[in-house]
Amino acid sequence: MKSFWIIIFLIVLPISLSAQQRAEYNRNGDEAMKRLDYSDARMWYEEGVVECDSYSIGQLTTIWLSNQEMRSSMRSLMNKCLNCLTVMANENDTIAISRLITYYTEGIGTPKNEELAIYWQERLNTLREPVKETNVSLGNQDLPEKKKEPMKFFVGYTYSKEAPYGITVGGIKSRLGWFVRFRTNLGFDNYENECKGNGQIVGSVTGSPFIRFTDNQKVNCYAGTAGIVVKCTSWLYTSLGLGYGSRKLLCEYKSIDAVDHTIESSYWSKNIDYSYNGLAADLDFMIKLGPIYVNAGCNTINFKYIDFNAGLGVFF
């Protein structure tokens, strides 16, 4: 019997001493808070963070929210609080989840993250909902349907050097989505004949048989693509699209009079070595900044040349 009480004493004593120690640093922290000595209070409550003490974390959160001048010295400490809250929240501690929502909304110990704040808010709402009785019919249990994430749509302007007028529309749901894009330079100029890259006319020559190419060039370009969007992280997306495109490189030449060598007229010729029709492809990366996004990537036609593009748009 005596041995039994000794065992009980050895078990209870460490627990009692630990509780007294926790009460001590919280009590000292509360006294410092009454004196408005927030630096001293932070020092005492910091001891509680080592134990992931919920009360200490709550008091430190109050200091952070009410004293902006102390935030620069508390960033590392609040990150430790965030780690403790995450562990407790994963054990369905509703108080810890409520504080996590505040941390991600206000950017305490971590950058602001709207998606994580929404995630923990939905987790908290689920835990607070009363448990619904499941209906069992003919041995089959009716399970509640999983909440579906609505599709987010986006639209934006796309620019590239050869096709500065472009529009992109699309939508994404969960991890996958779609997009459609059209690009053009609004160049639909006519040409009289065709030439090669070395300046040699193909076929008959429009104008005088004596010609001279100038350095003037212009492009008729358009492309339409469609494809998939993949959500890599909460802020990073990538997209790949295929479609049809056309690029015509036009080169200017002048006809020269054979007698007095004066210039008679100017004409345009399609350079068949640098003009392409066929498969168009797009590869882009998109960075989401709240409702706004910026994107950058490249596009090609028949994989004969590469044109880099960038864009700006909005999610709604």
Protein backbone atom coordinates (compact mmCIF):
# COMPACT_ATOMS: atom_id res chain seq x y z
CA MET A 1 0.00 0.00 0.00
CA LYS A 2 2.84 2.35 0.87
CA SER A 3 4.47 1.63 -2.49
CA PHE A 4 1.23 2.53 -4.24
CA TRP A 5 1.13 6.01 -2.68
CA ILE A 6 4.78 6.58 -3.53
CA ILE A 7 4.05 5.80 -7.19
CA ILE A 8 1.04 8.16 -7.17
CA PHE A 9 3.20 10.89 -5.62
CA LEU A 10 5.92 10.48 -8.23
CA ILE A 11 3.34 10.79 -11.03
CA VAL A 12 1.38 13.73 -9.63
CA LEU A 13 4.37 15.81 -8.48
CA PRO A 14 5.90 16.48 -11.96
CA ILE A 15 2.46 17.32 -13.36
CA SER A 16 1.82 19.74 -10.50
CA LEU A 17 5.21 21.40 -10.90
CA SER A 18 4.68 21.76 -14.67
CA ALA A 19 1.27 23.33 -14.12
CA GLN A 20 2.73 25.74 -11.55
CA GLN A 21 5.51 26.68 -14.02
CA ARG A 22 2.98 27.35 -16.77
CA ALA A 23 0.84 29.40 -14.45
CA GLU A 24 3.97 31.33 -13.41
CA TYR A 25 5.01 32.61 -16.84
CA ASN A 26 1.42 33.39 -17.79
CA ARG A 27 0.86 35.21 -14.50
CA ASN A 28 4.05 37.24 -14.93
CA GLY A 29 3.04 38.00 -18.51
CA ASP A 30 -0.41 39.19 -17.39
CA GLU A 31 1.16 41.48 -14.77
CA ALA A 32 3.40 43.00 -17.44
CA MET A 33 0.36 43.51 -19.69
CA LYS A 34 -1.34 45.46 -16.89
CA ARG A 35 1.74 47.71 -16.70
CA LEU A 36 1.57 48.05 -20.53
CA ASP A 37 5.11 46.65 -20.57
CA TYR A 38 4.63 44.64 -23.73
CA SER A 39 8.31 43.78 -24.16
CA ASP A 40 8.40 42.12 -20.73
CA ALA A 41 5.07 40.40 -21.38
CA ARG A 42 6.37 39.02 -24.67
CA MET A 43 9.41 37.59 -22.89
CA TRP A 44 7.24 35.69 -20.37
CA TYR A 45 4.69 34.43 -22.89
CA GLU A 46 7.53 33.24 -25.13
CA GLU A 47 8.24 30.55 -22.51
CA GLY A 48 4.71 29.28 -23.09
CA VAL A 49 5.24 28.98 -26.83
CA VAL A 50 7.89 26.32 -26.14
CA GLU A 51 5.05 24.24 -24.62
CA CYS A 52 2.57 25.38 -27.31
CA ASP A 53 0.54 26.93 -24.48
CA SER A 54 -2.74 28.16 -26.00
CA TYR A 55 -3.14 31.03 -23.52
CA SER A 56 0.39 32.33 -24.17
CA ILE A 57 -0.17 32.17 -27.93
CA GLY A 58 -3.43 34.07 -27.55
CA GLN A 59 -1.77 36.85 -25.53
CA LEU A 60 1.10 37.16 -28.01
CA THR A 61 -1.44 37.42 -30.82
CA THR A 62 -3.12 40.28 -28.94
CA ILE A 63 0.23 42.08 -28.57
CA TRP A 64 0.95 41.68 -32.31
CA LEU A 65 -2.43 43.04 -33.37
CA SER A 66 -2.35 46.04 -31.02
CA ASN A 67 1.32 47.10 -31.21
CA GLN A 68 2.66 47.59 -34.71
CA GLU A 69 6.01 48.92 -33.48
CA MET A 70 6.81 45.53 -31.88
CA ARG A 71 6.07 43.41 -34.95
CA SER A 72 9.55 43.53 -36.43
CA SER A 73 10.99 41.89 -33.29
CA MET A 74 8.21 39.29 -33.05
CA ARG A 75 8.18 37.77 -36.55
CA SER A 76 10.22 34.68 -35.67
CA LEU A 77 8.23 34.17 -32.46
CA MET A 78 4.88 34.44 -34.26
CA ASN A 79 6.07 31.89 -36.81
CA LYS A 80 6.59 29.46 -33.89
CA CYS A 81 3.06 30.28 -32.71
CA LEU A 82 1.81 29.50 -36.22
CA ASN A 83 3.48 26.08 -36.14
CA CYS A 84 1.88 25.29 -32.76
CA LEU A 85 -1.55 26.38 -33.99
CA THR A 86 -1.20 24.23 -37.12
CA VAL A 87 -0.47 21.13 -35.01
CA MET A 88 -3.43 21.83 -32.71
CA ALA A 89 -5.73 22.68 -35.64
CA ASN A 90 -4.96 19.34 -37.29
CA GLU A 91 -6.25 17.76 -34.05
CA ASN A 92 -9.54 19.65 -34.59
CA ASP A 93 -8.91 22.27 -31.89
CA THR A 94 -11.50 24.90 -32.87
CA ILE A 95 -9.76 27.69 -30.91
CA ALA A 96 -6.51 27.01 -32.75
CA ILE A 97 -8.38 26.95 -36.09
CA SER A 98 -10.00 30.32 -35.32
CA ARG A 99 -6.58 31.81 -34.61
CA LEU A 100 -5.12 30.26 -37.77
CA ILE A 101 -7.80 32.06 -39.79
CA THR A 102 -6.68 35.35 -38.20
CA TYR A 103 -2.99 34.54 -38.85
CA TYR A 104 -3.52 33.90 -42.57
CA THR A 105 -5.95 36.83 -42.95
CA GLU A 106 -3.70 39.38 -41.20
CA GLY A 107 -0.34 37.88 -42.23
CA ILE A 108 0.88 36.99 -38.72
CA GLY A 109 4.06 34.89 -38.79
CA THR A 110 3.47 34.21 -42.48
CA PRO A 111 2.49 36.13 -45.64
CA LYS A 112 -1.23 36.71 -46.08
CA ASN A 113 -2.89 33.74 -47.75
CA GLU A 114 -6.54 34.09 -48.67
CA GLU A 115 -6.92 30.50 -49.84
CA LEU A 116 -5.59 29.00 -46.58
CA ALA A 117 -7.81 31.35 -44.56
CA ILE A 118 -10.83 30.12 -46.55
CA TYR A 119 -9.70 26.49 -46.13
CA TRP A 120 -9.52 26.76 -42.33
CA GLN A 121 -12.80 28.71 -42.20
CA GLU A 122 -14.51 25.89 -44.08
CA ARG A 123 -12.85 23.36 -41.75
CA LEU A 124 -14.13 25.31 -38.73
CA ASN A 125 -17.64 25.51 -40.17
CA THR A 126 -17.61 21.76 -40.73
CA LEU A 127 -16.55 21.05 -37.15
CA ARG A 128 -19.24 23.36 -35.77
CA GLU A 129 -22.02 21.81 -37.84
CA PRO A 130 -24.15 19.30 -35.95
CA VAL A 131 -23.57 15.70 -36.95
CA LYS A 132 -26.29 14.62 -39.36
CA GLU A 133 -27.80 11.18 -39.01
CA THR A 134 -26.97 8.99 -41.95
CA ASN A 135 -29.83 7.20 -43.61
CA VAL A 136 -29.44 3.48 -44.16
CA SER A 137 -31.68 1.98 -46.81
CA LEU A 138 -31.52 -1.64 -47.91
CA GLY A 139 -28.01 -1.97 -46.51
CA ASN A 140 -26.70 1.08 -48.46
CA GLN A 141 -25.49 4.08 -46.46
CA ASP A 142 -26.19 7.52 -47.96
CA LEU A 143 -23.04 9.58 -47.58
CA PRO A 144 -23.13 13.40 -47.67
CA GLU A 145 -21.96 14.85 -50.96
CA LYS A 146 -18.58 16.53 -51.02
CA LYS A 147 -18.83 20.29 -51.49
CA LYS A 148 -17.90 21.13 -55.05
CA GLU A 149 -15.54 24.00 -55.77
CA PRO A 150 -17.07 26.47 -58.26
CA MET A 151 -15.22 27.25 -61.48
CA LYS A 152 -13.29 30.52 -61.55
CA PHE A 153 -13.23 32.30 -64.90
CA PHE A 154 -10.55 34.67 -66.16
CA VAL A 155 -10.06 37.04 -69.08
CA GLY A 156 -6.98 38.99 -70.10
CA TYR A 157 -4.98 40.87 -72.69
CA THR A 158 -2.07 39.09 -74.40
CA TYR A 159 0.81 40.88 -76.12
CA SER A 160 3.66 39.67 -78.32
CA LYS A 161 6.02 41.50 -80.67
CA GLU A 162 4.54 40.07 -83.86
CA ALA A 163 0.92 39.84 -82.62
CA PRO A 164 0.35 42.71 -80.18
CA TYR A 165 -3.44 42.36 -80.13
CA GLY A 166 -4.54 39.27 -78.23
CA ILE A 167 -7.28 38.13 -75.88
CA THR A 168 -7.39 35.11 -73.58
CA VAL A 169 -10.46 33.68 -71.83
CA GLY A 170 -10.74 30.57 -69.70
CA GLY A 171 -11.78 28.92 -66.48
CA ILE A 172 -10.28 26.70 -63.79
CA LYS A 173 -11.85 24.38 -61.25
CA SER A 174 -9.82 22.67 -58.54
CA ARG A 175 -6.56 21.70 -60.28
CA LEU A 176 -7.47 21.74 -63.99
CA GLY A 177 -8.98 24.27 -66.34
CA TRP A 178 -9.18 25.44 -69.95
CA PHE A 179 -8.39 28.50 -72.05
CA VAL A 180 -8.97 29.91 -75.53
CA ARG A 181 -6.68 32.56 -77.09
CA PHE A 182 -6.64 34.59 -80.29
CA ARG A 183 -3.70 36.77 -81.37
CA THR A 184 -3.17 39.01 -84.40
CA ASN A 185 -1.31 42.11 -85.55
CA LEU A 186 -4.28 43.22 -87.68
CA GLY A 187 -2.00 42.93 -90.71
CA PHE A 188 -3.89 41.77 -93.80
CA ASP A 189 -1.81 43.46 -96.51
CA ASN A 190 -1.83 42.15 -100.09
CA TYR A 191 1.26 41.13 -102.05
CA GLU A 192 1.99 40.79 -105.74
CA ASN A 193 4.25 37.72 -105.90
CA GLU A 194 6.57 35.49 -103.92
CA CYS A 195 10.28 35.52 -103.23
CA LYS A 196 12.93 33.51 -101.42
CA GLY A 197 15.14 34.45 -98.52
CA ASN A 198 18.01 35.36 -100.84
CA GLY A 199 15.93 38.01 -102.62
CA GLN A 200 15.09 35.92 -105.69
CA ILE A 201 11.59 36.36 -107.11
CA VAL A 202 9.62 33.15 -107.66
CA GLY A 203 7.64 33.23 -110.89
CA SER A 204 6.90 36.33 -112.94
CA VAL A 205 7.88 39.82 -111.77
CA THR A 206 5.26 42.50 -111.30
CA GLY A 207 6.58 45.78 -112.78
CA SER A 208 9.87 46.29 -114.59
CA PRO A 209 12.14 43.25 -114.92
CA PHE A 210 14.83 45.26 -113.12
CA ILE A 211 14.12 45.27 -109.37
CA ARG A 212 15.83 46.08 -106.10
CA PHE A 213 14.73 44.87 -102.65
CA THR A 214 14.63 47.43 -99.85
CA ASP A 215 15.03 46.84 -96.12
CA ASN A 216 11.32 47.38 -95.48
CA GLN A 217 9.44 44.35 -94.18
CA LYS A 218 6.07 43.71 -92.58
CA VAL A 219 4.20 40.71 -91.23
CA ASN A 220 0.65 39.44 -91.58
CA CYS A 221 0.10 37.31 -88.48
CA TYR A 222 -2.75 35.63 -86.62
CA ALA A 223 -3.21 32.51 -84.48
CA GLY A 224 -5.97 30.81 -82.51
CA THR A 225 -5.22 28.25 -79.80
CA ALA A 226 -7.04 26.36 -77.06
CA GLY A 227 -5.76 24.09 -74.31
CA ILE A 228 -5.52 23.19 -70.65
CA VAL A 229 -4.55 25.14 -67.51
CA VAL A 230 -2.90 23.33 -64.57
CA LYS A 231 -2.88 24.80 -61.05
CA CYS A 232 0.61 24.10 -59.66
CA THR A 233 0.26 26.06 -56.39
CA SER A 234 -2.22 28.56 -54.94
CA TRP A 235 -0.56 31.32 -56.99
CA LEU A 236 1.22 29.60 -59.89
CA TYR A 237 -0.47 28.16 -63.00
CA THR A 238 0.82 26.81 -66.30
CA SER A 239 -0.99 26.37 -69.60
CA LEU A 240 -0.41 24.55 -72.88
CA GLY A 241 -2.44 25.13 -76.02
CA LEU A 242 -2.58 24.01 -79.66
CA GLY A 243 -4.38 25.45 -82.67
CA TYR A 244 -3.88 27.01 -86.10
CA GLY A 245 -1.82 30.03 -87.12
CA SER A 246 -0.47 31.94 -90.07
CA ARG A 247 2.60 34.17 -90.48
CA LYS A 248 3.40 35.86 -93.76
CA LEU A 249 6.62 37.88 -94.06
CA LEU A 250 6.32 40.55 -96.77
CA CYS A 251 9.40 42.16 -98.31
CA GLU A 252 9.33 45.38 -100.32
CA TYR A 253 11.01 45.74 -103.69
CA LYS A 254 11.11 48.57 -106.25
CA SER A 255 11.03 48.28 -110.02
CA ILE A 256 13.75 50.26 -111.82
CA ASP A 257 13.53 51.69 -115.35
CA ALA A 258 15.99 49.97 -117.65
CA VAL A 259 16.90 53.20 -119.51
CA ASP A 260 17.31 56.00 -116.97
CA HIS A 261 17.46 53.74 -113.86
CA THR A 262 14.75 55.68 -112.06
CA ILE A 263 12.39 53.98 -109.63
CA GLU A 264 9.01 53.32 -111.16
CA SER A 265 6.90 51.70 -108.43
CA SER A 266 7.05 49.80 -105.13
CA TYR A 267 5.67 46.29 -104.64
CA TRP A 268 5.39 43.70 -101.86
CA SER A 269 6.48 40.09 -102.16
CA LYS A 270 5.78 37.18 -99.79
CA ASN A 271 9.00 35.59 -98.53
CA ILE A 272 8.19 31.88 -98.71
CA ASP A 273 11.28 30.87 -96.69
CA TYR A 274 10.06 32.77 -93.60
CA SER A 275 6.29 32.45 -93.94
CA TYR A 276 4.42 29.64 -92.25
CA ASN A 277 0.90 28.21 -91.98
CA GLY A 278 -0.21 25.35 -89.79
CA LEU A 279 0.13 24.15 -86.21
CA ALA A 280 0.24 26.92 -83.58
CA ALA A 281 1.36 26.18 -80.00
CA ASP A 282 1.38 28.21 -76.77
CA LEU A 283 3.23 27.58 -73.49
CA ASP A 284 2.65 30.00 -70.61
CA PHE A 285 3.14 30.49 -66.88
CA MET A 286 0.60 32.50 -64.92
CA ILE A 287 1.11 34.17 -61.52
CA LYS A 288 -2.07 34.99 -59.54
CA LEU A 289 -1.97 38.07 -57.31
CA GLY A 290 -5.37 38.16 -55.64
CA PRO A 291 -7.95 38.66 -58.42
CA ILE A 292 -5.24 39.86 -60.85
CA TYR A 293 -2.86 37.68 -62.82
CA VAL A 294 0.19 38.24 -65.02
CA ASN A 295 1.46 35.69 -67.50
CA ALA A 296 4.50 35.16 -69.70
CA GLY A 297 5.47 32.50 -72.20
CA CYS A 298 6.17 31.77 -75.84
CA ASN A 299 4.33 30.73 -78.99
CA THR A 300 5.27 29.26 -82.34
CA ILE A 301 3.84 28.23 -85.71
CA ASN A 302 5.03 24.91 -87.11
CA PHE A 303 7.94 25.15 -84.63
CA LYS A 304 9.79 27.26 -87.22
CA TYR A 305 10.24 30.34 -85.05
CA ILE A 306 9.49 31.50 -81.47
CA ASP A 307 7.69 34.68 -80.43
CA PHE A 308 7.61 35.59 -76.72
CA ASN A 309 4.41 36.90 -75.18
CA ALA A 310 3.16 38.43 -71.93
CA GLY A 311 -0.24 39.36 -70.57
CA LEU A 312 -2.39 40.82 -67.82
CA GLY A 313 -5.86 39.74 -66.73
CA VAL A 314 -8.38 39.27 -63.96
CA PHE A 315 -10.20 36.36 -62.27
CA PHE A 316 -13.91 36.72 -61.56
